[in-house]
Amino acid sequence: MTTHIQTQNAIQTLTNAFAPMNCLIMAARKGCFSFTIVNEHGIARHSERLYPDQYSSDAPLQAVIDRTRQALVA
């Protein structure tokens, strides 16, 4: 699977995981991208940069999702 397809799949997974909050994707280039979770009031709640080793397979991406969910609750 190419990095571009992996990136697109990771972005879709993140978007679905944090709905109904918005998941904004920024600076998607060279296999890396940043995502920011924004609540219904437009306030950024969490931001993180991901590298290919963090989203190229399900387990590391799920760890990012779990860690982000914990940060949102705190």
N, C-alpha and C. Protein backbone atom coordinates (compact mmCIF):
# COMPACT_ATOMS: atom_id res chain seq x y z
N MET A 1 0.84 -1.17 0.00
CA MET A 1 0.00 0.00 0.00
C MET A 1 0.89 1.24 0.00
N THR A 2 0.56 2.19 -0.83
CA THR A 2 1.37 3.40 -0.90
C THR A 2 1.12 4.30 0.30
N THR A 3 2.07 5.17 0.56
CA THR A 3 1.95 6.10 1.68
C THR A 3 0.73 7.00 1.51
N HIS A 4 0.46 7.42 0.28
CA HIS A 4 -0.69 8.29 0.03
C HIS A 4 -2.00 7.60 0.44
N ILE A 5 -2.16 6.36 0.08
CA ILE A 5 -3.37 5.61 0.44
C ILE A 5 -3.43 5.40 1.95
N GLN A 6 -2.30 5.10 2.57
CA GLN A 6 -2.27 4.94 4.02
C GLN A 6 -2.64 6.24 4.71
N THR A 7 -2.15 7.35 4.19
CA THR A 7 -2.48 8.66 4.76
C THR A 7 -3.97 8.92 4.64
N GLN A 8 -4.54 8.68 3.48
CA GLN A 8 -5.97 8.90 3.28
C GLN A 8 -6.80 8.01 4.20
N ASN A 9 -6.40 6.75 4.37
CA ASN A 9 -7.11 5.84 5.26
C ASN A 9 -7.02 6.32 6.71
N ALA A 10 -5.86 6.77 7.13
CA ALA A 10 -5.68 7.27 8.50
C ALA A 10 -6.52 8.51 8.74
N ILE A 11 -6.56 9.41 7.78
CA ILE A 11 -7.37 10.62 7.92
C ILE A 11 -8.85 10.25 8.05
N GLN A 12 -9.31 9.33 7.24
CA GLN A 12 -10.71 8.89 7.31
C GLN A 12 -11.01 8.23 8.65
N THR A 13 -10.09 7.41 9.15
CA THR A 13 -10.26 6.74 10.43
C THR A 13 -10.34 7.76 11.56
N LEU A 14 -9.45 8.74 11.55
CA LEU A 14 -9.46 9.79 12.58
C LEU A 14 -10.75 10.60 12.52
N THR A 15 -11.18 10.95 11.34
CA THR A 15 -12.41 11.72 11.17
C THR A 15 -13.60 10.97 11.75
N ASN A 16 -13.67 9.68 11.47
CA ASN A 16 -14.77 8.86 11.99
C ASN A 16 -14.67 8.66 13.50
N ALA A 17 -13.46 8.51 14.00
CA ALA A 17 -13.26 8.21 15.42
C ALA A 17 -13.68 9.37 16.32
N PHE A 18 -13.58 10.60 15.83
CA PHE A 18 -13.85 11.75 16.67
C PHE A 18 -15.13 12.50 16.31
N ALA A 19 -15.93 11.93 15.43
CA ALA A 19 -17.23 12.54 15.13
C ALA A 19 -18.08 12.52 16.39
N PRO A 20 -18.85 13.51 16.69
CA PRO A 20 -19.27 14.62 15.84
C PRO A 20 -18.34 15.83 15.87
N MET A 21 -17.23 15.76 16.61
CA MET A 21 -16.27 16.86 16.56
C MET A 21 -15.60 16.87 15.19
N ASN A 22 -15.11 18.01 14.80
CA ASN A 22 -14.42 18.12 13.52
C ASN A 22 -12.96 17.71 13.67
N CYS A 23 -12.47 17.00 12.70
CA CYS A 23 -11.07 16.62 12.65
C CYS A 23 -10.45 17.36 11.46
N LEU A 24 -9.69 18.39 11.75
CA LEU A 24 -9.07 19.19 10.70
C LEU A 24 -7.69 18.64 10.39
N ILE A 25 -7.40 18.49 9.13
CA ILE A 25 -6.11 17.97 8.69
C ILE A 25 -5.31 19.12 8.12
N MET A 26 -4.07 19.23 8.56
CA MET A 26 -3.21 20.31 8.10
C MET A 26 -1.84 19.75 7.72
N ALA A 27 -1.20 20.38 6.79
CA ALA A 27 0.18 20.09 6.42
C ALA A 27 0.39 18.63 6.04
N ALA A 28 -0.49 18.10 5.22
CA ALA A 28 -0.31 16.73 4.75
C ALA A 28 0.72 16.72 3.62
N ARG A 29 1.96 16.32 3.97
CA ARG A 29 3.02 16.27 2.96
C ARG A 29 4.11 15.33 3.43
N LYS A 30 4.80 14.76 2.48
CA LYS A 30 5.92 13.87 2.74
C LYS A 30 5.56 12.75 3.72
N GLY A 31 4.32 12.30 3.65
CA GLY A 31 3.89 11.19 4.49
C GLY A 31 3.45 11.58 5.88
N CYS A 32 3.69 12.80 6.30
CA CYS A 32 3.30 13.26 7.63
C CYS A 32 2.11 14.20 7.50
N PHE A 33 1.33 14.28 8.57
CA PHE A 33 0.26 15.26 8.61
C PHE A 33 -0.08 15.60 10.05
N SER A 34 -0.69 16.75 10.22
CA SER A 34 -1.15 17.18 11.53
C SER A 34 -2.66 17.10 11.54
N PHE A 35 -3.21 16.74 12.70
CA PHE A 35 -4.65 16.79 12.84
C PHE A 35 -4.99 17.57 14.11
N THR A 36 -6.11 18.27 14.04
CA THR A 36 -6.60 19.03 15.18
C THR A 36 -8.07 18.68 15.37
N ILE A 37 -8.42 18.35 16.61
CA ILE A 37 -9.81 18.05 16.95
C ILE A 37 -10.44 19.35 17.46
N VAL A 38 -11.54 19.73 16.82
CA VAL A 38 -12.22 20.99 17.13
C VAL A 38 -13.63 20.68 17.60
N ASN A 39 -14.04 21.27 18.73
CA ASN A 39 -15.38 20.99 19.25
C ASN A 39 -16.43 21.79 18.50
N GLU A 40 -17.69 21.66 18.93
CA GLU A 40 -18.81 22.30 18.24
C GLU A 40 -18.77 23.82 18.31
N HIS A 41 -17.96 24.38 19.19
CA HIS A 41 -17.83 25.83 19.31
C HIS A 41 -16.64 26.38 18.52
N GLY A 42 -15.95 25.50 17.81
CA GLY A 42 -14.80 25.92 17.02
C GLY A 42 -13.52 26.04 17.82
N ILE A 43 -13.51 25.48 19.02
CA ILE A 43 -12.33 25.55 19.88
C ILE A 43 -11.49 24.30 19.70
N ALA A 44 -10.22 24.49 19.41
CA ALA A 44 -9.30 23.36 19.25
C ALA A 44 -9.12 22.67 20.59
N ARG A 45 -9.32 21.36 20.61
CA ARG A 45 -9.21 20.59 21.84
C ARG A 45 -7.94 19.77 21.90
N HIS A 46 -7.43 19.37 20.74
CA HIS A 46 -6.22 18.54 20.69
C HIS A 46 -5.59 18.69 19.31
N SER A 47 -4.27 18.72 19.28
CA SER A 47 -3.55 18.79 18.02
C SER A 47 -2.33 17.90 18.11
N GLU A 48 -2.04 17.22 17.01
CA GLU A 48 -0.92 16.29 17.01
C GLU A 48 -0.42 16.08 15.57
N ARG A 49 0.86 15.82 15.46
CA ARG A 49 1.46 15.50 14.17
C ARG A 49 1.71 14.01 14.12
N LEU A 50 1.32 13.38 13.02
CA LEU A 50 1.52 11.94 12.85
C LEU A 50 2.52 11.66 11.75
N TYR A 51 3.31 10.64 11.98
CA TYR A 51 4.32 10.18 11.03
C TYR A 51 3.91 8.80 10.54
N PRO A 52 4.41 8.36 9.39
CA PRO A 52 3.97 7.10 8.81
C PRO A 52 4.02 5.90 9.77
N ASP A 53 5.00 5.83 10.64
CA ASP A 53 5.06 4.68 11.54
C ASP A 53 3.94 4.71 12.57
N GLN A 54 3.27 5.84 12.74
CA GLN A 54 2.15 5.94 13.69
C GLN A 54 0.81 5.58 13.06
N TYR A 55 0.73 5.55 11.74
CA TYR A 55 -0.56 5.25 11.11
C TYR A 55 -0.48 4.19 10.02
N SER A 56 0.68 3.62 9.79
CA SER A 56 0.82 2.65 8.70
C SER A 56 0.17 1.31 9.00
N SER A 57 -0.16 1.05 10.27
CA SER A 57 -0.91 -0.15 10.63
C SER A 57 -1.93 0.20 11.69
N ASP A 58 -2.85 -0.72 11.93
CA ASP A 58 -3.98 -0.43 12.82
C ASP A 58 -3.60 -0.18 14.27
N ALA A 59 -2.70 -0.96 14.82
CA ALA A 59 -2.38 -0.86 16.25
C ALA A 59 -1.81 0.50 16.65
N PRO A 60 -0.80 1.02 15.95
CA PRO A 60 -0.29 2.34 16.34
C PRO A 60 -1.34 3.46 16.16
N LEU A 61 -2.14 3.37 15.11
CA LEU A 61 -3.17 4.38 14.90
C LEU A 61 -4.23 4.30 16.00
N GLN A 62 -4.58 3.10 16.40
CA GLN A 62 -5.55 2.95 17.50
C GLN A 62 -4.98 3.51 18.80
N ALA A 63 -3.69 3.36 19.00
CA ALA A 63 -3.04 3.94 20.19
C ALA A 63 -3.14 5.46 20.17
N VAL A 64 -2.97 6.07 19.00
CA VAL A 64 -3.12 7.53 18.86
C VAL A 64 -4.55 7.93 19.19
N ILE A 65 -5.52 7.20 18.68
CA ILE A 65 -6.93 7.49 18.93
C ILE A 65 -7.23 7.38 20.42
N ASP A 66 -6.78 6.30 21.05
CA ASP A 66 -7.02 6.10 22.48
C ASP A 66 -6.39 7.21 23.32
N ARG A 67 -5.16 7.55 23.00
CA ARG A 67 -4.46 8.60 23.74
C ARG A 67 -5.16 9.95 23.56
N THR A 68 -5.63 10.22 22.37
CA THR A 68 -6.33 11.47 22.10
C THR A 68 -7.66 11.52 22.83
N ARG A 69 -8.38 10.42 22.85
CA ARG A 69 -9.66 10.37 23.59
C ARG A 69 -9.44 10.63 25.07
N GLN A 70 -8.39 10.07 25.62
CA GLN A 70 -8.07 10.31 27.03
C GLN A 70 -7.75 11.78 27.27
N ALA A 71 -7.03 12.39 26.35
CA ALA A 71 -6.69 13.81 26.49
C ALA A 71 -7.94 14.68 26.40
N LEU A 72 -8.89 14.30 25.57
CA LEU A 72 -10.12 15.08 25.42
C LEU A 72 -10.99 15.00 26.67
N VAL A 73 -10.94 13.88 27.36
CA VAL A 73 -11.75 13.70 28.57
C VAL A 73 -11.14 14.46 29.75
N ALA A 74 -9.83 14.53 29.76
CA ALA A 74 -9.12 15.16 30.90
C ALA A 74 -9.36 16.65 30.99
